[in-house]
């Protein structure tokens, strides 16, 4: 590493009439006082959307120190780096965007910043870029999705001349059967996949005052997994078992005070994540609604 034996950096040193490029005492360089980084760049210009570690090579004088900073999906080694052997290769981690639908092509960058008495060689840029391929493009899957609602228990209350749906905690409350007709469309499961579902279907209930609804009965086609669906507050979800009719019975809840001027039911088809091997898809339509249902 250069050793500055003077108050100020040396700008030149001569022996007789000859310029001296470098001066040493023993193994220690005393001139010039700065160490130089002569090259810093990725070895590749492009990388796949799957990302991964990619080489970044720094060349220069022994003892040159610097930090590396990544951006746009690039993560560099942390801390101050010191050249012991030139050139030295550093592995830069580029984030995976192969499962990020519609991710754009990006320019992942590394900025090299000299530390202490280290400088960049004249004309050397402190920034280098590797181009990462774009993520998968979302494709459209035209599905069949319709919803119908039948009021099976008509429990209402007249409040100020306006009828309200009402709920109860003793099993007496307005009830509806919500039926969804679903057709899978042209999208197929990937080969050799243990998963047969394409979408996760969600049948939802909502009142004007966010009244709580209870899914009291789930009625679905035969499911190879034996699962009737997951019942949540105001919604029922399940992985579809193919084209068919999916139904759920909802009962409005409350302690004698639950009331809502209208209720709304909806069905949502969410495509399984790309990580399951399906790629990127958008169900069209993805949501259907009953609209507001008044007493």
Protein backbone atom coordinates (compact mmCIF):
# COMPACT_ATOMS: atom_id res chain seq x y z
CA UNK A 1 0.00 0.00 0.00
CA UNK A 2 1.41 3.48 -0.81
CA UNK A 3 2.96 5.27 2.16
CA UNK A 4 2.87 9.08 2.13
CA UNK A 5 6.06 10.29 3.78
CA UNK A 6 5.27 13.93 3.10
CA UNK A 7 2.68 16.49 4.16
CA UNK A 8 1.20 16.68 0.66
CA UNK A 9 0.80 14.14 -2.15
CA UNK A 10 3.75 14.00 -4.54
CA UNK A 11 2.93 15.20 -8.05
CA UNK A 12 6.22 14.05 -9.57
CA UNK A 13 9.59 12.60 -8.71
CA UNK A 14 12.78 12.45 -10.81
CA UNK A 15 16.12 10.73 -10.78
CA UNK A 16 18.36 13.04 -12.68
CA UNK A 17 16.47 13.92 -15.86
CA UNK A 18 14.26 10.83 -15.81
CA UNK A 19 10.70 10.67 -14.48
CA UNK A 20 10.14 7.90 -11.95
CA UNK A 21 6.81 6.10 -12.38
CA UNK A 22 6.84 4.45 -8.94
CA UNK A 23 9.07 4.66 -5.93
CA UNK A 24 9.45 2.12 -3.12
CA UNK A 25 11.18 1.74 0.20
CA UNK A 26 11.41 -2.00 0.68
CA UNK A 27 8.03 -3.39 -0.35
CA UNK A 28 6.17 -0.17 0.47
CA UNK A 29 5.23 2.14 -2.38
CA UNK A 30 5.98 5.78 -1.51
CA UNK A 31 5.31 7.30 -4.94
CA UNK A 32 2.82 7.97 -6.26
CA UNK A 33 0.84 8.40 -3.05
CA UNK A 34 -2.47 7.33 -4.67
CA UNK A 35 -3.36 3.77 -5.64
CA UNK A 36 -5.28 3.37 -8.86
CA UNK A 37 -8.20 1.24 -9.97
CA UNK A 38 -7.66 0.60 -13.66
CA UNK A 39 -10.79 -1.43 -14.59
CA UNK A 40 -14.13 -2.36 -13.04
CA UNK A 41 -16.92 -4.07 -14.98
CA UNK A 42 -19.29 -7.01 -15.29
CA UNK A 43 -17.94 -9.84 -17.40
CA UNK A 44 -21.34 -10.23 -19.12
CA UNK A 45 -23.57 -7.65 -20.76
CA UNK A 46 -26.83 -9.55 -20.20
CA UNK A 47 -28.41 -11.95 -17.71
CA UNK A 48 -31.60 -14.05 -17.79
CA UNK A 49 -34.68 -13.03 -15.84
CA UNK A 50 -33.89 -15.78 -13.34
CA UNK A 51 -30.95 -13.66 -12.12
CA UNK A 52 -28.29 -15.23 -9.92
CA UNK A 53 -24.65 -14.45 -9.15
CA UNK A 54 -22.70 -12.80 -11.94
CA UNK A 55 -18.97 -11.89 -11.99
CA UNK A 56 -17.79 -8.28 -11.59
CA UNK A 57 -14.02 -7.87 -12.05
CA UNK A 58 -11.89 -5.14 -10.54
CA UNK A 59 -8.27 -4.53 -11.60
CA UNK A 60 -5.77 -2.14 -10.11
CA UNK A 61 -2.83 -1.65 -7.82
CA UNK A 62 -2.39 -3.76 -4.73
CA UNK A 63 -3.92 -2.05 -1.73
CA UNK A 64 -6.50 -0.06 -3.69
CA UNK A 65 -9.67 0.14 -1.59
CA UNK A 66 -13.28 0.78 -2.59
CA UNK A 67 -16.91 0.03 -1.87
CA UNK A 68 -19.50 -1.45 -4.23
CA UNK A 69 -23.14 -0.34 -4.30
CA UNK A 70 -25.85 -2.14 -6.26
CA UNK A 71 -29.20 -0.90 -7.58
CA UNK A 72 -32.11 -2.04 -9.79
CA UNK A 73 -31.98 -5.63 -8.56
CA UNK A 74 -28.21 -5.86 -7.99
CA UNK A 75 -26.77 -6.58 -4.54
CA UNK A 76 -23.02 -6.13 -4.01
CA UNK A 77 -20.70 -7.40 -1.25
CA UNK A 78 -20.87 -5.10 1.75
CA UNK A 79 -18.05 -3.17 3.37
CA UNK A 80 -14.75 -1.84 2.07
CA UNK A 81 -12.96 -4.07 -0.44
CA UNK A 82 -9.15 -4.08 -0.82
CA UNK A 83 -7.29 -5.44 -3.83
CA UNK A 84 -4.85 -8.13 -2.76
CA UNK A 85 -4.50 -9.71 -6.20
CA UNK A 86 -5.28 -8.02 -9.50
CA UNK A 87 -7.64 -8.71 -11.11
CA UNK A 88 -10.13 -9.79 -8.39
CA UNK A 89 -13.59 -11.13 -9.17
CA UNK A 90 -16.61 -10.24 -7.02
CA UNK A 91 -19.95 -12.01 -7.26
CA UNK A 92 -22.92 -9.66 -7.69
CA UNK A 93 -26.34 -11.12 -6.85
CA UNK A 94 -29.05 -10.21 -9.36
CA UNK A 95 -32.61 -10.70 -8.12
CA UNK A 96 -34.87 -13.27 -9.76
CA UNK A 97 -37.79 -11.73 -11.67
CA UNK A 98 -38.77 -14.84 -13.63
CA UNK A 99 -41.95 -15.15 -11.55
CA UNK A 100 -42.80 -11.44 -11.49
CA UNK A 101 -45.51 -11.02 -14.09
CA UNK A 102 -44.89 -8.17 -16.58
CA UNK A 103 -41.64 -7.11 -14.90
CA UNK A 104 -39.84 -4.87 -17.38
CA UNK A 105 -36.30 -5.35 -18.64
CA UNK A 106 -34.03 -3.60 -16.17
CA UNK A 107 -30.51 -2.26 -16.04
CA UNK A 108 -28.92 -3.63 -12.88
CA UNK A 109 -26.03 -1.38 -11.86
CA UNK A 110 -22.94 -1.41 -9.71
CA UNK A 111 -21.24 1.80 -8.59
CA UNK A 112 -17.62 1.55 -7.44
CA UNK A 113 -16.51 4.25 -4.99
CA UNK A 114 -12.78 4.63 -4.19
CA UNK A 115 -11.85 4.92 -0.53
CA UNK A 116 -8.92 6.75 1.09
CA UNK A 117 -6.08 7.51 -1.33
CA UNK A 118 -7.49 5.26 -4.05
CA UNK A 119 -8.54 6.84 -7.35
CA UNK A 120 -10.12 5.66 -10.57
CA UNK A 121 -7.92 5.65 -13.66
CA UNK A 122 -8.53 8.52 -16.05
CA UNK A 123 -11.61 7.86 -18.19
CA UNK A 124 -12.81 4.91 -16.09
CA UNK A 125 -16.53 5.13 -15.28
CA UNK A 126 -17.59 4.43 -11.73
CA UNK A 127 -20.77 2.69 -12.98
CA UNK A 128 -21.32 -0.50 -14.94
CA UNK A 129 -24.60 -2.09 -16.03
CA UNK A 130 -25.85 -5.56 -16.81
CA UNK A 131 -29.18 -5.87 -18.65
CA UNK A 132 -31.65 -8.32 -17.09
CA UNK A 133 -34.35 -9.86 -19.26
CA UNK A 134 -37.99 -8.95 -18.63
CA UNK A 135 -40.33 -11.13 -16.58
CA UNK A 136 -43.05 -13.29 -18.17
CA UNK A 137 -45.89 -11.51 -19.95
CA UNK A 138 -49.40 -11.94 -18.57
CA UNK A 139 -51.72 -13.90 -20.85
CA UNK A 140 -55.50 -13.70 -20.91
CA UNK A 141 -57.63 -16.70 -19.96
CA UNK A 142 -61.23 -16.12 -20.98
CA UNK A 143 -63.34 -17.96 -18.42
CA UNK A 144 -67.03 -18.36 -17.75
CA UNK A 145 -68.06 -16.71 -14.47
CA UNK A 146 -71.63 -15.82 -13.53
CA UNK A 147 -73.34 -15.36 -10.18
CA UNK A 148 -76.93 -15.78 -9.02
CA UNK A 149 -78.44 -15.26 -5.56
CA UNK A 150 -81.58 -16.73 -3.98
CA UNK A 151 -82.97 -15.36 -0.71
CA UNK A 152 -84.02 -18.43 1.31
CA UNK A 153 -84.89 -16.77 4.64
CA UNK A 154 -86.62 -13.40 4.45
CA UNK A 155 -85.78 -11.73 7.77
CA UNK A 156 -86.38 -7.99 7.67
CA UNK A 157 -87.28 -5.08 9.93
CA UNK A 158 -89.07 -1.82 9.15
CA UNK A 159 -87.11 1.11 10.52
CA UNK A 160 -88.59 4.53 9.81
CA UNK A 161 -90.42 3.22 6.82
CA UNK A 162 -87.32 1.57 5.34
CA UNK A 163 -86.88 -2.21 5.26
CA UNK A 164 -83.58 -3.62 6.52
CA UNK A 165 -82.17 -7.12 6.33
CA UNK A 166 -81.59 -8.35 9.88
CA UNK A 167 -79.50 -11.05 11.53
CA UNK A 168 -79.69 -12.93 14.79
CA UNK A 169 -77.54 -15.01 17.08
CA UNK A 170 -80.01 -17.85 17.53
CA UNK A 171 -80.04 -19.10 13.95
CA UNK A 172 -82.71 -16.61 12.89
CA UNK A 173 -81.35 -14.26 10.28
CA UNK A 174 -81.71 -13.48 6.62
CA UNK A 175 -80.16 -16.21 4.46
CA UNK A 176 -79.10 -16.48 0.85
CA UNK A 177 -77.73 -19.21 -1.38
CA UNK A 178 -75.08 -17.81 -3.71
CA UNK A 179 -74.42 -19.89 -6.82
CA UNK A 180 -71.48 -19.41 -9.17
CA UNK A 181 -71.28 -21.03 -12.60
CA UNK A 182 -67.66 -21.39 -13.59
CA UNK A 183 -65.92 -22.54 -16.77
CA UNK A 184 -62.16 -23.00 -16.65
CA UNK A 185 -61.36 -21.68 -20.12
CA UNK A 186 -58.40 -22.62 -22.31
CA UNK A 187 -55.70 -22.44 -19.64
CA UNK A 188 -54.31 -25.85 -18.74
CA UNK A 189 -52.31 -27.08 -15.78
CA UNK A 190 -48.58 -27.58 -16.45
CA UNK A 191 -47.43 -31.09 -17.43
CA UNK A 192 -46.69 -33.53 -14.61
CA UNK A 193 -48.18 -31.20 -12.02
CA UNK A 194 -49.85 -32.63 -8.95
CA UNK A 195 -52.09 -29.57 -8.90
CA UNK A 196 -55.30 -29.71 -10.89
CA UNK A 197 -56.76 -26.34 -9.92
CA UNK A 198 -56.19 -23.33 -12.13
CA UNK A 199 -57.94 -20.66 -10.10
CA UNK A 200 -58.80 -20.05 -6.48
CA UNK A 201 -62.47 -19.18 -6.30
CA UNK A 202 -63.72 -16.83 -3.62
CA UNK A 203 -67.43 -16.21 -2.94
CA UNK A 204 -67.90 -13.10 -0.82
CA UNK A 205 -70.70 -11.42 1.11
CA UNK A 206 -70.96 -7.81 2.23
CA UNK A 207 -73.54 -5.53 3.81
CA UNK A 208 -73.85 -1.76 3.64
CA UNK A 209 -72.72 -1.52 7.28
CA UNK A 210 -70.11 -4.29 6.92
CA UNK A 211 -72.44 -6.67 8.68
CA UNK A 212 -70.93 -10.07 9.47
CA UNK A 213 -72.14 -13.02 7.40
CA UNK A 214 -71.55 -16.64 8.28
CA UNK A 215 -71.08 -19.31 5.64
CA UNK A 216 -73.36 -21.94 7.18
CA UNK A 217 -73.12 -24.48 4.38
CA UNK A 218 -70.66 -24.97 1.54
CA UNK A 219 -71.98 -26.84 -1.46
CA UNK A 220 -69.44 -27.66 -4.17
CA UNK A 221 -68.79 -30.31 -6.82
CA UNK A 222 -66.79 -33.38 -5.87
CA UNK A 223 -63.25 -32.37 -4.94
CA UNK A 224 -60.39 -34.89 -5.33
CA UNK A 225 -58.83 -33.54 -2.11
CA UNK A 226 -62.08 -33.92 -0.17
CA UNK A 227 -61.94 -30.26 0.85
CA UNK A 228 -65.27 -28.40 0.77
CA UNK A 229 -63.57 -25.01 0.87
CA UNK A 230 -62.13 -22.68 3.47
CA UNK A 231 -64.71 -20.65 5.37
CA UNK A 232 -63.64 -17.16 6.45
CA UNK A 233 -65.58 -14.19 7.78
CA UNK A 234 -67.75 -12.94 4.93
CA UNK A 235 -66.06 -15.19 2.36
CA UNK A 236 -65.50 -18.78 1.28
CA UNK A 237 -62.45 -19.74 -0.78
CA UNK A 238 -61.25 -22.95 -2.42
CA UNK A 239 -59.15 -24.19 -5.27
CA UNK A 240 -61.56 -24.99 -8.08
CA UNK A 241 -61.91 -28.62 -9.10
CA UNK A 242 -62.73 -27.83 -12.70
CA UNK A 243 -65.66 -26.31 -14.53
CA UNK A 244 -68.88 -26.59 -12.59
CA UNK A 245 -71.32 -25.03 -10.16
CA UNK A 246 -70.07 -23.69 -6.82
CA UNK A 247 -72.49 -22.64 -4.10
CA UNK A 248 -72.45 -21.35 -0.55
CA UNK A 249 -75.23 -20.49 1.92
CA UNK A 250 -74.77 -17.27 3.86
CA UNK A 251 -76.62 -16.24 7.01
CA UNK A 252 -76.58 -12.68 8.30
CA UNK A 253 -75.29 -12.56 11.86
CA UNK A 254 -75.97 -10.25 14.79
CA UNK A 255 -77.28 -10.06 18.33
CA UNK A 256 -80.68 -8.81 17.39
CA UNK A 257 -79.14 -5.52 16.25
CA UNK A 258 -77.49 -6.69 13.02
CA UNK A 259 -79.17 -4.87 10.16
CA UNK A 260 -78.28 -3.74 6.66
CA UNK A 261 -80.23 -1.81 4.07
CA UNK A 262 -78.85 -3.99 1.30
CA UNK A 263 -76.39 -6.84 0.77
CA UNK A 264 -73.99 -7.64 -2.06
CA UNK A 265 -72.38 -10.90 -3.15
CA UNK A 266 -69.41 -11.37 -5.46
CA UNK A 267 -67.26 -14.12 -6.94
CA UNK A 268 -63.55 -13.72 -7.68
CA UNK A 269 -61.31 -16.04 -9.72
CA UNK A 270 -57.66 -15.59 -8.73
CA UNK A 271 -55.05 -17.34 -10.89
CA UNK A 272 -52.60 -19.54 -9.01
CA UNK A 273 -49.16 -17.95 -8.58
CA UNK A 274 -46.45 -18.43 -11.25
CA UNK A 275 -44.34 -20.24 -8.63
CA UNK A 276 -46.64 -23.25 -9.05
CA UNK A 277 -45.58 -23.52 -12.69
CA UNK A 278 -48.61 -21.97 -14.37
CA UNK A 279 -46.91 -18.89 -15.77
CA UNK A 280 -48.65 -15.52 -15.74
CA UNK A 281 -52.36 -15.39 -16.49
CA UNK A 282 -55.28 -13.03 -15.98
CA UNK A 283 -58.80 -14.42 -15.70
CA UNK A 284 -61.36 -12.48 -17.76
CA UNK A 285 -63.74 -11.78 -16.19
CA UNK A 286 -62.00 -12.04 -12.83
CA UNK A 287 -64.90 -10.71 -10.75
CA UNK A 288 -68.69 -10.77 -10.99
CA UNK A 289 -71.16 -9.21 -8.58
CA UNK A 290 -74.83 -9.54 -7.72
CA UNK A 291 -75.15 -5.82 -7.21
CA UNK A 292 -77.08 -4.38 -4.26
CA UNK A 293 -79.95 -6.60 -3.07
CA UNK A 294 -82.66 -4.79 -1.11
CA UNK A 295 -85.49 -6.42 0.91
